[in-house]
Amino acid sequence: MTDDLAPYADLERALTRLIRRAFLPTSGEATRREADVGLERAAYATLVRIAELEAGRLSDLAGVLGLDASTTSRHVKGLVDAGYVEVAADPDDARARRYSPTAAGRDALERVRDTRRAHLARVLHDWEPDEVTTLADGLDRIVTAFENDERQRA
């Protein structure tokens, strides 16, 4: 490793450990179970993105999920059938549909977020509030840097 990359070695290792831990299937399942949200991992991820898009089209959703339209459509149909997502006509294109979380969908998202926050509070109970804030700010800066780099590469 070159000396100019040496400061990033610890960061790379820490991020790798965090990502591996955060994306363990059992971790997400436990959180959703504790929040009493009976959605599988892919369905929950789809619901999160639908909420972020605020009445987005299927093509928009497929793009942010990195999935093809048919797979995304199956996930969305399951969420609609379960009452977590509603469908509305697109006012700009009569052929298209827009998807939004229902009250039940928003409630499910909030319960999972509350459960995650409570878990973080338990795990980081010995951290000072300013340490938690500093970490959150640093992680936000990292994500923004990756997003900016991705836009520049596109």
Protein backbone atom coordinates (compact mmCIF):
# COMPACT_ATOMS: atom_id res chain seq x y z
CA MET A 1 0.00 0.00 0.00
CA THR A 2 1.30 3.43 -0.88
CA ASP A 3 1.86 5.88 1.97
CA ASP A 4 -0.75 8.30 0.63
CA LEU A 5 -3.44 5.59 1.02
CA ALA A 6 -2.33 4.43 4.46
CA PRO A 7 -4.68 6.77 6.39
CA TYR A 8 -7.64 5.16 4.62
CA ALA A 9 -6.83 1.57 5.60
CA ASP A 10 -8.47 1.79 9.03
CA LEU A 11 -11.46 3.58 7.55
CA GLU A 12 -11.85 0.92 4.86
CA ARG A 13 -11.70 -1.88 7.45
CA ALA A 14 -14.18 -0.13 9.75
CA LEU A 15 -16.64 0.55 6.92
CA THR A 16 -16.37 -3.04 5.71
CA ARG A 17 -17.15 -4.33 9.21
CA LEU A 18 -20.07 -1.90 9.56
CA ILE A 19 -21.58 -2.77 6.19
CA ARG A 20 -21.25 -6.51 6.79
CA ARG A 21 -22.88 -6.18 10.20
CA ALA A 22 -25.62 -3.83 9.07
CA PHE A 23 -26.64 -6.05 6.18
CA LEU A 24 -26.75 -9.36 7.97
CA PRO A 25 -30.15 -10.80 7.06
CA THR A 26 -30.75 -11.80 10.68
CA SER A 27 -30.22 -8.23 11.89
CA GLY A 28 -32.93 -6.75 9.66
CA GLU A 29 -35.29 -9.65 10.34
CA ALA A 30 -34.91 -9.19 14.08
CA THR A 31 -35.60 -5.48 13.81
CA ARG A 32 -38.69 -5.96 11.66
CA ARG A 33 -39.93 -8.72 13.97
CA GLU A 34 -39.42 -6.56 17.07
CA ALA A 35 -41.26 -3.70 15.31
CA ASP A 36 -44.05 -6.15 14.37
CA VAL A 37 -43.60 -5.50 10.66
CA GLY A 38 -44.12 -8.71 8.72
CA LEU A 39 -42.19 -7.81 5.59
CA GLU A 40 -39.29 -9.68 4.08
CA ARG A 41 -36.05 -7.80 3.43
CA ALA A 42 -36.69 -6.99 -0.26
CA ALA A 43 -40.25 -5.85 0.39
CA TYR A 44 -39.15 -3.60 3.23
CA ALA A 45 -36.36 -2.08 1.09
CA THR A 46 -38.91 -1.45 -1.66
CA LEU A 47 -41.29 0.25 0.78
CA VAL A 48 -38.47 2.49 2.03
CA ARG A 49 -37.65 3.60 -1.52
CA ILE A 50 -41.32 4.20 -2.37
CA ALA A 51 -41.56 6.51 0.63
CA GLU A 52 -38.37 8.33 -0.38
CA LEU A 53 -39.60 8.88 -3.94
CA GLU A 54 -42.92 10.37 -2.82
CA ALA A 55 -45.33 9.12 -5.49
CA GLY A 56 -42.69 7.82 -7.85
CA ARG A 57 -43.19 5.76 -10.98
CA LEU A 58 -42.24 2.11 -11.27
CA SER A 59 -39.33 3.00 -13.58
CA ASP A 60 -37.99 5.48 -10.99
CA LEU A 61 -38.31 2.87 -8.28
CA ALA A 62 -36.56 0.19 -10.35
CA GLY A 63 -33.72 2.64 -10.99
CA VAL A 64 -33.08 3.44 -7.32
CA LEU A 65 -33.38 -0.22 -6.34
CA GLY A 66 -31.08 -1.34 -9.15
CA LEU A 67 -33.62 -3.94 -10.28
CA ASP A 68 -35.42 -4.63 -13.52
CA ALA A 69 -39.02 -3.48 -13.92
CA SER A 70 -40.55 -6.96 -13.67
CA THR A 71 -38.85 -7.74 -10.34
CA THR A 72 -39.75 -4.31 -8.99
CA SER A 73 -43.33 -4.77 -10.16
CA ARG A 74 -43.61 -8.04 -8.22
CA HIS A 75 -42.31 -6.40 -5.05
CA VAL A 76 -44.69 -3.46 -5.45
CA LYS A 77 -47.67 -5.72 -6.15
CA GLY A 78 -47.02 -7.59 -2.92
CA LEU A 79 -46.90 -4.31 -1.00
CA VAL A 80 -50.11 -3.11 -2.63
CA ASP A 81 -51.84 -6.43 -1.86
CA ALA A 82 -50.66 -6.21 1.77
CA GLY A 83 -52.03 -2.68 2.12
CA TYR A 84 -48.67 -0.93 2.53
CA VAL A 85 -48.69 0.88 -0.82
CA GLU A 86 -51.35 2.64 -2.86
CA VAL A 87 -51.44 3.20 -6.60
CA ALA A 88 -52.62 6.36 -8.34
CA ALA A 89 -52.81 7.41 -11.97
CA ASP A 90 -49.94 9.60 -13.11
CA PRO A 91 -51.39 13.03 -13.93
CA ASP A 92 -48.64 13.56 -16.52
CA ASP A 93 -49.06 10.22 -18.33
CA ALA A 94 -52.32 8.27 -18.34
CA ARG A 95 -50.42 5.02 -19.05
CA ALA A 96 -48.21 5.31 -15.97
CA ARG A 97 -48.92 4.81 -12.28
CA ARG A 98 -47.46 6.41 -9.19
CA TYR A 99 -46.86 4.59 -5.92
CA SER A 100 -47.03 5.94 -2.37
CA PRO A 101 -47.06 4.37 1.07
CA THR A 102 -50.46 4.07 2.72
CA ALA A 103 -50.99 5.04 6.36
CA ALA A 104 -50.17 1.41 7.24
CA GLY A 105 -46.98 1.62 5.17
CA ARG A 106 -45.88 4.86 6.83
CA ASP A 107 -46.68 3.36 10.24
CA ALA A 108 -44.60 0.25 9.47
CA LEU A 109 -41.64 2.40 8.41
CA GLU A 110 -41.89 4.50 11.56
CA ARG A 111 -42.08 1.44 13.82
CA VAL A 112 -38.94 -0.03 12.23
CA ARG A 113 -37.11 3.30 12.51
CA ASP A 114 -38.14 3.66 16.17
CA THR A 115 -36.94 0.11 16.84
CA ARG A 116 -33.59 0.81 15.15
CA ARG A 117 -33.14 4.03 17.11
CA ALA A 118 -33.87 2.24 20.38
CA HIS A 119 -31.36 -0.47 19.41
CA LEU A 120 -28.71 2.15 18.64
CA ALA A 121 -29.39 3.81 22.00
CA ARG A 122 -28.91 0.46 23.78
CA VAL A 123 -25.74 -0.43 21.87
CA LEU A 124 -24.19 3.03 22.19
CA HIS A 125 -25.41 3.71 25.74
CA ASP A 126 -21.90 4.61 26.89
CA TRP A 127 -21.33 7.16 24.12
CA GLU A 128 -21.75 10.87 24.79
CA PRO A 129 -24.48 12.54 22.70
CA ASP A 130 -21.89 14.70 20.92
CA GLU A 131 -19.96 11.56 19.92
CA VAL A 132 -23.12 10.13 18.34
CA THR A 133 -23.70 13.42 16.52
CA THR A 134 -20.10 13.53 15.30
CA LEU A 135 -20.36 9.99 13.96
CA ALA A 136 -23.66 10.75 12.20
CA ASP A 137 -22.17 13.88 10.64
CA GLY A 138 -19.11 11.96 9.47
CA LEU A 139 -21.19 9.17 7.94
CA ASP A 140 -23.36 11.74 6.16
CA ARG A 141 -20.23 13.36 4.75
CA ILE A 142 -18.98 9.99 3.50
CA VAL A 143 -22.30 9.19 1.80
CA THR A 144 -22.41 12.65 0.20
CA ALA A 145 -18.85 12.21 -1.08
CA PHE A 146 -19.77 8.85 -2.63
CA GLU A 147 -22.90 10.36 -4.22
CA ASN A 148 -20.88 13.26 -5.64
CA ASP A 149 -18.26 10.86 -7.00
CA GLU A 150 -20.98 8.72 -8.61
CA ARG A 151 -22.53 11.78 -10.29
CA GLN A 152 -19.13 12.86 -11.63
CA ARG A 153 -18.48 9.40 -13.05
CA ALA A 154 -21.87 9.21 -14.79
